[in-house]
Amino acid sequence: MFPIPTQVFLTRGCGIHKQPLTAFEYALRDADIEQQNLVTVSSILPPGCRLISRETGVPTLSPGEITFCVMARAETNEPGRRIVASIGLARPKDPALYGYISEHHGYGMTEQEAGDYAEDLAATMLASTLGIEFDPNAAWNERRKLYETSHLIVDTLSTTAAATGADNGDWTCAIACAVFRFTPVETSA
């Protein structure tokens, strides 16, 4: 049985190359997670999992380490095509409850639109789990206010990588990741 992650950080990156795999590698480098053996998992933020900064999380990684993450990835070799990869995170106020991480990858959206969409996905999943009544057809800003006033959701956030397809037809790759970390839980003697 794998241990439960105790920390998570968000990162993002973009890469361009004539080969799609190398463009992906460059996006991983831009996100500073290229030395990891990444294992993508689904979208549950474990209870008590603490959000840390990328600057704090990256130095804890060891080359070759098997690293669990939730990843969004978009690629194109169409010149001028807009791509986005977003991760949204919604955390409950009660740290004993689990939250949600959403991934969104698509075309034509702005960075802000993709980030809002990913946050909305994560918050909607969490709200439905917590039993918060909401109108699914309401605008994201309206639902965000409802979630905040419910006092059940502490916050939502997102990170997005956005890029435009290279003019020469090279592959362009955008990734966004929520990277999990495992740290020993300190206990008092």
C-alpha atoms as a PDB file:
ATOM      1  CA  MET A   1       0.000   0.000   0.000  1.00  0.00           C
ATOM      2  CA  PHE A   2       1.303   3.436  -0.923  1.00  0.00           C
ATOM      3  CA  PRO A   3       1.505   6.136   1.735  1.00  0.00           C
ATOM      4  CA  ILE A   4      -0.895   9.059   1.550  1.00  0.00           C
ATOM      5  CA  PRO A   5       0.641  12.283   0.223  1.00  0.00           C
ATOM      6  CA  THR A   6       1.135  14.995   2.836  1.00  0.00           C
ATOM      7  CA  GLN A   7       2.074  17.851   0.497  1.00  0.00           C
ATOM      8  CA  VAL A   8       1.240  19.046  -3.006  1.00  0.00           C
ATOM      9  CA  PHE A   9       2.623  21.774  -5.231  1.00  0.00           C
ATOM     10  CA  LEU A  10       1.499  23.182  -8.567  1.00  0.00           C
ATOM     11  CA  THR A  11       3.765  23.672 -11.551  1.00  0.00           C
ATOM     12  CA  ARG A  12       3.474  24.311 -15.271  1.00  0.00           C
ATOM     13  CA  GLY A  13       5.604  24.475 -18.389  1.00  0.00           C
ATOM     14  CA  CYS A  14       5.717  24.752 -22.180  1.00  0.00           C
ATOM     15  CA  GLY A  15       8.077  23.292 -24.754  1.00  0.00           C
ATOM     16  CA  ILE A  16       8.605  23.407 -28.521  1.00  0.00           C
ATOM     17  CA  HIS A  17      10.492  20.931 -30.726  1.00  0.00           C
ATOM     18  CA  LYS A  18      10.130  19.183 -34.081  1.00  0.00           C
ATOM     19  CA  GLN A  19       9.457  15.896 -32.232  1.00  0.00           C
ATOM     20  CA  PRO A  20       6.368  15.668 -29.955  1.00  0.00           C
ATOM     21  CA  LEU A  21       8.178  13.663 -27.258  1.00  0.00           C
ATOM     22  CA  THR A  22      10.987  16.208 -27.079  1.00  0.00           C
ATOM     23  CA  ALA A  23       8.474  19.072 -26.884  1.00  0.00           C
ATOM     24  CA  PHE A  24       6.937  17.247 -23.911  1.00  0.00           C
ATOM     25  CA  GLU A  25      10.403  16.847 -22.347  1.00  0.00           C
ATOM     26  CA  TYR A  26      11.025  20.586 -22.766  1.00  0.00           C
ATOM     27  CA  ALA A  27       7.676  21.335 -21.115  1.00  0.00           C
ATOM     28  CA  LEU A  28       8.690  19.086 -18.189  1.00  0.00           C
ATOM     29  CA  ARG A  29      11.996  20.979 -17.968  1.00  0.00           C
ATOM     30  CA  ASP A  30      10.167  24.283 -17.937  1.00  0.00           C
ATOM     31  CA  ALA A  31       8.017  22.917 -15.086  1.00  0.00           C
ATOM     32  CA  ASP A  32      11.217  21.693 -13.343  1.00  0.00           C
ATOM     33  CA  ILE A  33      10.027  18.067 -13.056  1.00  0.00           C
ATOM     34  CA  GLU A  34      11.898  16.468 -15.977  1.00  0.00           C
ATOM     35  CA  GLN A  35      14.066  14.237 -13.762  1.00  0.00           C
ATOM     36  CA  GLN A  36      11.085  12.397 -12.280  1.00  0.00           C
ATOM     37  CA  ASN A  37       9.403   9.148 -13.230  1.00  0.00           C
ATOM     38  CA  LEU A  38       5.916  10.612 -13.273  1.00  0.00           C
ATOM     39  CA  VAL A  39       2.890   8.494 -12.478  1.00  0.00           C
ATOM     40  CA  THR A  40      -0.393  10.223 -13.218  1.00  0.00           C
ATOM     41  CA  VAL A  41      -3.228   9.642 -10.798  1.00  0.00           C
ATOM     42  CA  SER A  42      -6.810  10.805 -10.590  1.00  0.00           C
ATOM     43  CA  SER A  43      -8.090  13.821  -8.818  1.00  0.00           C
ATOM     44  CA  ILE A  44      -8.403  13.471  -5.043  1.00  0.00           C
ATOM     45  CA  LEU A  45      -6.549  15.855  -2.736  1.00  0.00           C
ATOM     46  CA  PRO A  46      -5.948  13.731   0.390  1.00  0.00           C
ATOM     47  CA  PRO A  47      -7.199  14.936   3.768  1.00  0.00           C
ATOM     48  CA  GLY A  48      -4.609  17.115   5.489  1.00  0.00           C
ATOM     49  CA  CYS A  49      -2.471  17.414   2.337  1.00  0.00           C
ATOM     50  CA  ARG A  50      -0.716  20.764   2.651  1.00  0.00           C
ATOM     51  CA  LEU A  51      -0.226  23.077  -0.321  1.00  0.00           C
ATOM     52  CA  ILE A  52       3.424  24.130  -0.681  1.00  0.00           C
ATOM     53  CA  SER A  53       5.117  26.370  -3.224  1.00  0.00           C
ATOM     54  CA  ARG A  54       6.907  25.067  -6.297  1.00  0.00           C
ATOM     55  CA  GLU A  55      10.090  26.638  -4.891  1.00  0.00           C
ATOM     56  CA  THR A  56       9.728  24.533  -1.743  1.00  0.00           C
ATOM     57  CA  GLY A  57       8.620  21.324  -3.488  1.00  0.00           C
ATOM     58  CA  VAL A  58      11.056  20.994  -6.387  1.00  0.00           C
ATOM     59  CA  PRO A  59      14.226  20.764  -4.209  1.00  0.00           C
ATOM     60  CA  THR A  60      12.691  17.785  -2.370  1.00  0.00           C
ATOM     61  CA  LEU A  61      12.599  15.751  -5.601  1.00  0.00           C
ATOM     62  CA  SER A  62      15.335  13.230  -6.376  1.00  0.00           C
ATOM     63  CA  PRO A  63      16.307  12.288  -9.957  1.00  0.00           C
ATOM     64  CA  GLY A  64      14.629   9.034 -10.985  1.00  0.00           C
ATOM     65  CA  GLU A  65      12.152   9.114  -8.114  1.00  0.00           C
ATOM     66  CA  ILE A  66       8.682   7.746  -8.829  1.00  0.00           C
ATOM     67  CA  THR A  67       6.544  10.849  -8.389  1.00  0.00           C
ATOM     68  CA  PHE A  68       2.759  10.900  -8.348  1.00  0.00           C
ATOM     69  CA  CYS A  69       0.957  13.801 -10.000  1.00  0.00           C
ATOM     70  CA  VAL A  70      -2.264  14.942 -11.593  1.00  0.00           C
ATOM     71  CA  MET A  71      -1.329  16.205 -15.067  1.00  0.00           C
ATOM     72  CA  ALA A  72      -3.049  18.162 -17.819  1.00  0.00           C
ATOM     73  CA  ARG A  73      -1.291  18.075 -21.194  1.00  0.00           C
ATOM     74  CA  ALA A  74      -2.077  19.693 -24.542  1.00  0.00           C
ATOM     75  CA  GLU A  75      -0.087  19.481 -27.777  1.00  0.00           C
ATOM     76  CA  THR A  76      -0.319  20.842 -31.302  1.00  0.00           C
ATOM     77  CA  ASN A  77       1.758  21.118 -34.439  1.00  0.00           C
ATOM     78  CA  GLU A  78      -0.737  23.504 -36.026  1.00  0.00           C
ATOM     79  CA  PRO A  79       0.831  26.959 -36.461  1.00  0.00           C
ATOM     80  CA  GLY A  80      -0.985  29.617 -34.436  1.00  0.00           C
ATOM     81  CA  ARG A  81      -3.294  27.203 -32.622  1.00  0.00           C
ATOM     82  CA  ARG A  82      -3.837  28.193 -28.979  1.00  0.00           C
ATOM     83  CA  ILE A  83      -3.438  25.366 -26.435  1.00  0.00           C
ATOM     84  CA  VAL A  84      -4.000  25.319 -22.677  1.00  0.00           C
ATOM     85  CA  ALA A  85      -3.326  22.855 -19.861  1.00  0.00           C
ATOM     86  CA  SER A  86      -4.785  23.709 -16.442  1.00  0.00           C
ATOM     87  CA  ILE A  87      -4.928  22.221 -12.971  1.00  0.00           C
ATOM     88  CA  GLY A  88      -7.647  23.385 -10.574  1.00  0.00           C
ATOM     89  CA  LEU A  89      -7.614  22.716  -6.845  1.00  0.00           C
ATOM     90  CA  ALA A  90     -10.470  22.985  -4.321  1.00  0.00           C
ATOM     91  CA  ARG A  91      -9.785  22.487  -0.614  1.00  0.00           C
ATOM     92  CA  PRO A  92     -12.428  21.996   2.083  1.00  0.00           C
ATOM     93  CA  LYS A  93     -12.310  24.118   5.211  1.00  0.00           C
ATOM     94  CA  ASP A  94     -12.168  20.975   7.359  1.00  0.00           C
ATOM     95  CA  PRO A  95      -8.658  19.508   6.832  1.00  0.00           C
ATOM     96  CA  ALA A  96      -9.969  16.051   7.818  1.00  0.00           C
ATOM     97  CA  LEU A  97     -11.960  15.975   4.555  1.00  0.00           C
ATOM     98  CA  TYR A  98     -10.577  15.385   1.087  1.00  0.00           C
ATOM     99  CA  GLY A  99     -10.568  17.939  -1.720  1.00  0.00           C
ATOM    100  CA  TYR A 100     -10.458  17.766  -5.483  1.00  0.00           C
ATOM    101  CA  ILE A 101      -7.924  18.412  -8.216  1.00  0.00           C
ATOM    102  CA  SER A 102      -9.189  18.845 -11.761  1.00  0.00           C
ATOM    103  CA  GLU A 103      -7.287  18.754 -14.999  1.00  0.00           C
ATOM    104  CA  HIS A 104      -8.344  20.536 -18.158  1.00  0.00           C
ATOM    105  CA  HIS A 105      -6.634  20.578 -21.533  1.00  0.00           C
ATOM    106  CA  GLY A 106      -8.018  22.262 -24.580  1.00  0.00           C
ATOM    107  CA  TYR A 107      -7.779  24.664 -27.471  1.00  0.00           C
ATOM    108  CA  GLY A 108      -8.662  28.282 -28.122  1.00  0.00           C
ATOM    109  CA  MET A 109      -9.078  29.430 -24.505  1.00  0.00           C
ATOM    110  CA  THR A 110      -7.092  32.159 -22.821  1.00  0.00           C
ATOM    111  CA  GLU A 111      -4.968  31.350 -19.777  1.00  0.00           C
ATOM    112  CA  GLN A 112      -7.539  33.040 -17.503  1.00  0.00           C
ATOM    113  CA  GLU A 113     -10.499  31.197 -19.068  1.00  0.00           C
ATOM    114  CA  ALA A 114      -8.764  27.828 -18.726  1.00  0.00           C
ATOM    115  CA  GLY A 115      -7.739  28.519 -15.113  1.00  0.00           C
ATOM    116  CA  ASP A 116     -11.262  29.592 -14.168  1.00  0.00           C
ATOM    117  CA  TYR A 117     -12.680  26.508 -15.881  1.00  0.00           C
ATOM    118  CA  ALA A 118     -10.324  24.158 -14.012  1.00  0.00           C
ATOM    119  CA  GLU A 119     -11.094  25.863 -10.669  1.00  0.00           C
ATOM    120  CA  ASP A 120     -14.803  25.624 -11.400  1.00  0.00           C
ATOM    121  CA  LEU A 121     -14.508  21.892 -12.130  1.00  0.00           C
ATOM    122  CA  ALA A 122     -12.662  21.192  -8.870  1.00  0.00           C
ATOM    123  CA  ALA A 123     -14.973  23.399  -6.782  1.00  0.00           C
ATOM    124  CA  THR A 124     -18.107  21.886  -8.318  1.00  0.00           C
ATOM    125  CA  MET A 125     -16.913  18.347  -7.544  1.00  0.00           C
ATOM    126  CA  LEU A 126     -16.091  19.349  -3.958  1.00  0.00           C
ATOM    127  CA  ALA A 127     -19.350  21.272  -3.492  1.00  0.00           C
ATOM    128  CA  SER A 128     -21.415  18.289  -4.649  1.00  0.00           C
ATOM    129  CA  THR A 129     -19.527  16.029  -2.222  1.00  0.00           C
ATOM    130  CA  LEU A 130     -20.124  18.453   0.660  1.00  0.00           C
ATOM    131  CA  GLY A 131     -23.823  18.733  -0.142  1.00  0.00           C
ATOM    132  CA  ILE A 132     -23.729  22.415  -1.095  1.00  0.00           C
ATOM    133  CA  GLU A 133     -26.827  23.287  -3.140  1.00  0.00           C
ATOM    134  CA  PHE A 134     -25.933  25.219  -6.286  1.00  0.00           C
ATOM    135  CA  ASP A 135     -27.248  26.033  -9.729  1.00  0.00           C
ATOM    136  CA  PRO A 136     -24.959  24.262 -12.222  1.00  0.00           C
ATOM    137  CA  ASN A 137     -26.016  26.772 -14.890  1.00  0.00           C
ATOM    138  CA  ALA A 138     -24.931  29.793 -12.830  1.00  0.00           C
ATOM    139  CA  ALA A 139     -21.753  31.603 -13.828  1.00  0.00           C
ATOM    140  CA  TRP A 140     -18.523  30.527 -12.113  1.00  0.00           C
ATOM    141  CA  ASN A 141     -18.215  33.848 -10.242  1.00  0.00           C
ATOM    142  CA  GLU A 142     -21.719  33.376  -8.776  1.00  0.00           C
ATOM    143  CA  ARG A 143     -20.970  29.812  -7.678  1.00  0.00           C
ATOM    144  CA  ARG A 144     -17.578  30.908  -6.271  1.00  0.00           C
ATOM    145  CA  LYS A 145     -19.350  33.423  -4.010  1.00  0.00           C
ATOM    146  CA  LEU A 146     -21.795  30.724  -2.888  1.00  0.00           C
ATOM    147  CA  TYR A 147     -18.961  28.314  -2.103  1.00  0.00           C
ATOM    148  CA  GLU A 148     -17.109  30.998  -0.119  1.00  0.00           C
ATOM    149  CA  THR A 149     -20.199  31.899   1.921  1.00  0.00           C
ATOM    150  CA  SER A 150     -20.937  28.240   2.671  1.00  0.00           C
ATOM    151  CA  HIS A 151     -17.878  28.201   4.970  1.00  0.00           C
ATOM    152  CA  LEU A 152     -17.248  24.624   3.810  1.00  0.00           C
ATOM    153  CA  ILE A 153     -14.699  25.365   1.086  1.00  0.00           C
ATOM    154  CA  VAL A 154     -11.537  27.178   2.183  1.00  0.00           C
ATOM    155  CA  ASP A 155     -10.273  28.106  -1.268  1.00  0.00           C
ATOM    156  CA  THR A 156      -9.821  27.293  -4.920  1.00  0.00           C
ATOM    157  CA  LEU A 157      -6.850  28.005  -7.134  1.00  0.00           C
ATOM    158  CA  SER A 158      -5.369  27.008 -10.446  1.00  0.00           C
ATOM    159  CA  THR A 159      -2.256  27.017 -12.574  1.00  0.00           C
ATOM    160  CA  THR A 160      -2.312  27.112 -16.356  1.00  0.00           C
ATOM    161  CA  ALA A 161       0.227  26.698 -19.137  1.00  0.00           C
ATOM    162  CA  ALA A 162      -0.867  28.400 -22.348  1.00  0.00           C
ATOM    163  CA  ALA A 163       0.976  28.473 -25.649  1.00  0.00           C
ATOM    164  CA  THR A 164       0.467  29.111 -29.344  1.00  0.00           C
ATOM    165  CA  GLY A 165       1.522  26.562 -31.954  1.00  0.00           C
ATOM    166  CA  ALA A 166       4.950  27.303 -33.436  1.00  0.00           C
ATOM    167  CA  ASP A 167       4.883  29.177 -36.756  1.00  0.00           C
ATOM    168  CA  ASN A 168       7.104  26.564 -38.435  1.00  0.00           C
ATOM    169  CA  GLY A 169       4.867  23.600 -37.525  1.00  0.00           C
ATOM    170  CA  ASP A 170       7.093  22.245 -34.742  1.00  0.00           C
ATOM    171  CA  TRP A 171       5.253  20.545 -31.883  1.00  0.00           C
ATOM    172  CA  THR A 172       4.204  22.774 -29.008  1.00  0.00           C
ATOM    173  CA  CYS A 173       3.374  21.163 -25.661  1.00  0.00           C
ATOM    174  CA  ALA A 174       1.804  22.721 -22.550  1.00  0.00           C
ATOM    175  CA  ILE A 175       1.566  20.921 -19.207  1.00  0.00           C
ATOM    176  CA  ALA A 176       0.214  21.746 -15.769  1.00  0.00           C
ATOM    177  CA  CYS A 177       0.708  19.449 -12.770  1.00  0.00           C
ATOM    178  CA  ALA A 178      -0.208  18.998  -9.146  1.00  0.00           C
ATOM    179  CA  VAL A 179       2.820  17.121  -7.777  1.00  0.00           C
ATOM    180  CA  PHE A 180       2.424  15.047  -4.615  1.00  0.00           C
ATOM    181  CA  ARG A 181       5.083  14.765  -1.924  1.00  0.00           C
ATOM    182  CA  PHE A 182       5.403  12.376   0.989  1.00  0.00           C
ATOM    183  CA  THR A 183       6.942  13.614   4.198  1.00  0.00           C
ATOM    184  CA  PRO A 184       7.063  11.860   7.524  1.00  0.00           C
ATOM    185  CA  VAL A 185       4.299  12.943   9.831  1.00  0.00           C
ATOM    186  CA  GLU A 186       5.777  14.307  13.027  1.00  0.00           C
ATOM    187  CA  THR A 187       4.324  12.882  16.192  1.00  0.00           C
ATOM    188  CA  SER A 188       4.836  14.104  19.705  1.00  0.00           C
ATOM    189  CA  ALA A 189       6.482  11.685  22.109  1.00  0.00           C
END
